[in-house]
Amino acid sequence: MKKERRSNERLRTAGPVHYCCSDSRSALPESRSGLSDLGIVINFSDTGLCFIATCPLEVGQNVVLQSPRMFEGLEEGVVRWCARAGASLWRIGLKRRAFAA
């Protein structure tokens, strides 16, 4: 059995998430209208989340996301890992930051 290294238990779920990435924190959008990509959240906790995307993201990349089903307003995070999940799908692990709005 694999040892759990997370500080918070992840809750399994499935739901859409709108997101946008940037290498520059100042270039991140401040509203959902700038969140052009769509993914599916598969689990989340107070400190992180994992979602499926159709393109890989780079470790350390800043991400803004929004998912009314899971949290209010915009959420910020940084990519901690990225792994292939299928022919054109990627699993993205994010470390969540404080609420953006």
C-alpha atoms as a PDB file:
ATOM      1  CA  MET A   1       0.000   0.000   0.000  1.00  0.00           C
ATOM      2  CA  LYS A   2       1.321   3.436  -0.947  1.00  0.00           C
ATOM      3  CA  LYS A   3       2.017   5.780   1.977  1.00  0.00           C
ATOM      4  CA  GLU A   4      -0.090   8.952   1.904  1.00  0.00           C
ATOM      5  CA  ARG A   5       2.109  12.076   1.923  1.00  0.00           C
ATOM      6  CA  ARG A   6      -0.641  14.705   1.782  1.00  0.00           C
ATOM      7  CA  SER A   7      -1.391  16.807   4.857  1.00  0.00           C
ATOM      8  CA  ASN A   8      -5.130  16.903   4.051  1.00  0.00           C
ATOM      9  CA  GLU A   9      -7.389  14.072   2.886  1.00  0.00           C
ATOM     10  CA  ARG A  10      -8.536  14.448  -0.717  1.00  0.00           C
ATOM     11  CA  LEU A  11     -12.240  14.177  -1.481  1.00  0.00           C
ATOM     12  CA  ARG A  12     -13.124  12.359  -4.689  1.00  0.00           C
ATOM     13  CA  THR A  13     -15.482  14.231  -6.967  1.00  0.00           C
ATOM     14  CA  ALA A  14     -16.109  14.925 -10.632  1.00  0.00           C
ATOM     15  CA  GLY A  15     -16.967  18.330 -11.951  1.00  0.00           C
ATOM     16  CA  PRO A  16     -16.002  20.939 -14.518  1.00  0.00           C
ATOM     17  CA  VAL A  17     -13.377  23.580 -13.862  1.00  0.00           C
ATOM     18  CA  HIS A  18     -12.548  26.628 -15.986  1.00  0.00           C
ATOM     19  CA  TYR A  19      -8.883  27.604 -15.849  1.00  0.00           C
ATOM     20  CA  CYS A  20      -6.173  29.822 -17.311  1.00  0.00           C
ATOM     21  CA  CYS A  21      -2.385  29.549 -16.965  1.00  0.00           C
ATOM     22  CA  SER A  22       0.393  32.091 -16.942  1.00  0.00           C
ATOM     23  CA  ASP A  23       4.094  32.268 -16.111  1.00  0.00           C
ATOM     24  CA  SER A  24       3.516  35.809 -14.847  1.00  0.00           C
ATOM     25  CA  ARG A  25       1.288  36.339 -11.803  1.00  0.00           C
ATOM     26  CA  SER A  26       0.371  39.824 -13.029  1.00  0.00           C
ATOM     27  CA  ALA A  27      -1.016  38.351 -16.270  1.00  0.00           C
ATOM     28  CA  LEU A  28      -3.556  36.122 -14.497  1.00  0.00           C
ATOM     29  CA  PRO A  29      -7.199  37.054 -15.155  1.00  0.00           C
ATOM     30  CA  GLU A  30      -9.356  38.609 -12.465  1.00  0.00           C
ATOM     31  CA  SER A  31     -12.678  37.246 -13.737  1.00  0.00           C
ATOM     32  CA  ARG A  32     -14.093  34.057 -15.224  1.00  0.00           C
ATOM     33  CA  SER A  33     -14.285  35.705 -18.672  1.00  0.00           C
ATOM     34  CA  GLY A  34     -10.509  35.213 -18.941  1.00  0.00           C
ATOM     35  CA  LEU A  35     -10.672  31.511 -18.036  1.00  0.00           C
ATOM     36  CA  SER A  36     -10.679  29.939 -21.485  1.00  0.00           C
ATOM     37  CA  ASP A  37      -9.743  26.294 -20.844  1.00  0.00           C
ATOM     38  CA  LEU A  38     -12.024  23.587 -19.468  1.00  0.00           C
ATOM     39  CA  GLY A  39     -11.000  20.585 -17.350  1.00  0.00           C
ATOM     40  CA  ILE A  40     -12.553  18.063 -14.979  1.00  0.00           C
ATOM     41  CA  VAL A  41     -11.684  18.056 -11.265  1.00  0.00           C
ATOM     42  CA  ILE A  42     -11.295  14.500  -9.956  1.00  0.00           C
ATOM     43  CA  ASN A  43     -10.326  15.211  -6.340  1.00  0.00           C
ATOM     44  CA  PHE A  44      -9.640  18.166  -4.058  1.00  0.00           C
ATOM     45  CA  SER A  45      -8.782  19.219  -0.505  1.00  0.00           C
ATOM     46  CA  ASP A  46      -8.120  22.458   1.365  1.00  0.00           C
ATOM     47  CA  THR A  47      -4.525  22.448   0.104  1.00  0.00           C
ATOM     48  CA  GLY A  48      -4.656  21.019  -3.419  1.00  0.00           C
ATOM     49  CA  LEU A  49      -6.574  19.437  -6.227  1.00  0.00           C
ATOM     50  CA  CYS A  50      -6.178  17.200  -9.248  1.00  0.00           C
ATOM     51  CA  PHE A  51      -7.905  17.763 -12.576  1.00  0.00           C
ATOM     52  CA  ILE A  52      -7.877  16.342 -16.090  1.00  0.00           C
ATOM     53  CA  ALA A  53      -6.835  18.651 -18.933  1.00  0.00           C
ATOM     54  CA  THR A  54      -6.361  18.237 -22.683  1.00  0.00           C
ATOM     55  CA  CYS A  55      -2.857  19.721 -22.665  1.00  0.00           C
ATOM     56  CA  PRO A  56       0.135  19.390 -20.346  1.00  0.00           C
ATOM     57  CA  LEU A  57       1.015  22.173 -17.912  1.00  0.00           C
ATOM     58  CA  GLU A  58       4.497  22.952 -16.621  1.00  0.00           C
ATOM     59  CA  VAL A  59       5.543  22.441 -13.008  1.00  0.00           C
ATOM     60  CA  GLY A  60       5.639  25.836 -11.290  1.00  0.00           C
ATOM     61  CA  GLN A  61       3.123  27.389 -13.690  1.00  0.00           C
ATOM     62  CA  ASN A  62       0.544  29.698 -12.072  1.00  0.00           C
ATOM     63  CA  VAL A  63      -3.107  28.778 -12.610  1.00  0.00           C
ATOM     64  CA  VAL A  64      -6.382  30.571 -11.901  1.00  0.00           C
ATOM     65  CA  LEU A  65      -9.481  28.404 -11.817  1.00  0.00           C
ATOM     66  CA  GLN A  66     -13.182  28.533 -11.098  1.00  0.00           C
ATOM     67  CA  SER A  67     -15.663  25.777 -10.302  1.00  0.00           C
ATOM     68  CA  PRO A  68     -18.931  26.926  -8.722  1.00  0.00           C
ATOM     69  CA  ARG A  69     -19.705  23.350  -7.714  1.00  0.00           C
ATOM     70  CA  MET A  70     -16.585  23.118  -5.529  1.00  0.00           C
ATOM     71  CA  PHE A  71     -15.686  26.642  -4.371  1.00  0.00           C
ATOM     72  CA  GLU A  72     -16.864  30.232  -4.620  1.00  0.00           C
ATOM     73  CA  GLY A  73     -15.069  32.875  -6.673  1.00  0.00           C
ATOM     74  CA  LEU A  74     -11.701  32.365  -8.286  1.00  0.00           C
ATOM     75  CA  GLU A  75      -9.053  30.086  -6.872  1.00  0.00           C
ATOM     76  CA  GLU A  76      -5.290  30.277  -7.474  1.00  0.00           C
ATOM     77  CA  GLY A  77      -2.762  27.485  -7.551  1.00  0.00           C
ATOM     78  CA  VAL A  78       0.621  26.390  -8.805  1.00  0.00           C
ATOM     79  CA  VAL A  79       1.266  23.221 -10.804  1.00  0.00           C
ATOM     80  CA  ARG A  80       3.097  20.638  -8.653  1.00  0.00           C
ATOM     81  CA  TRP A  81       3.051  17.763 -11.153  1.00  0.00           C
ATOM     82  CA  CYS A  82       1.700  16.734 -14.559  1.00  0.00           C
ATOM     83  CA  ALA A  83       1.264  13.162 -15.839  1.00  0.00           C
ATOM     84  CA  ARG A  84      -0.174  11.668 -19.019  1.00  0.00           C
ATOM     85  CA  ALA A  85      -3.639  10.191 -18.414  1.00  0.00           C
ATOM     86  CA  GLY A  86      -4.426   9.025 -21.954  1.00  0.00           C
ATOM     87  CA  ALA A  87      -3.718   9.705 -25.615  1.00  0.00           C
ATOM     88  CA  SER A  88      -4.605  13.400 -25.331  1.00  0.00           C
ATOM     89  CA  LEU A  89      -5.370  13.791 -21.615  1.00  0.00           C
ATOM     90  CA  TRP A  90      -3.210  14.938 -18.705  1.00  0.00           C
ATOM     91  CA  ARG A  91      -3.644  14.724 -14.930  1.00  0.00           C
ATOM     92  CA  ILE A  92      -2.593  17.985 -13.296  1.00  0.00           C
ATOM     93  CA  GLY A  93      -1.793  18.304  -9.587  1.00  0.00           C
ATOM     94  CA  LEU A  94      -2.130  21.787  -8.106  1.00  0.00           C
ATOM     95  CA  LYS A  95      -1.171  23.247  -4.766  1.00  0.00           C
ATOM     96  CA  ARG A  96      -3.923  25.699  -3.904  1.00  0.00           C
ATOM     97  CA  ARG A  97      -3.180  29.252  -2.784  1.00  0.00           C
ATOM     98  CA  ALA A  98      -5.425  31.712  -0.977  1.00  0.00           C
ATOM     99  CA  PHE A  99      -8.617  32.786  -2.675  1.00  0.00           C
ATOM    100  CA  ALA A 100      -7.973  35.296  -5.478  1.00  0.00           C
ATOM    101  CA  ALA A 101     -11.266  37.149  -5.187  1.00  0.00           C
END
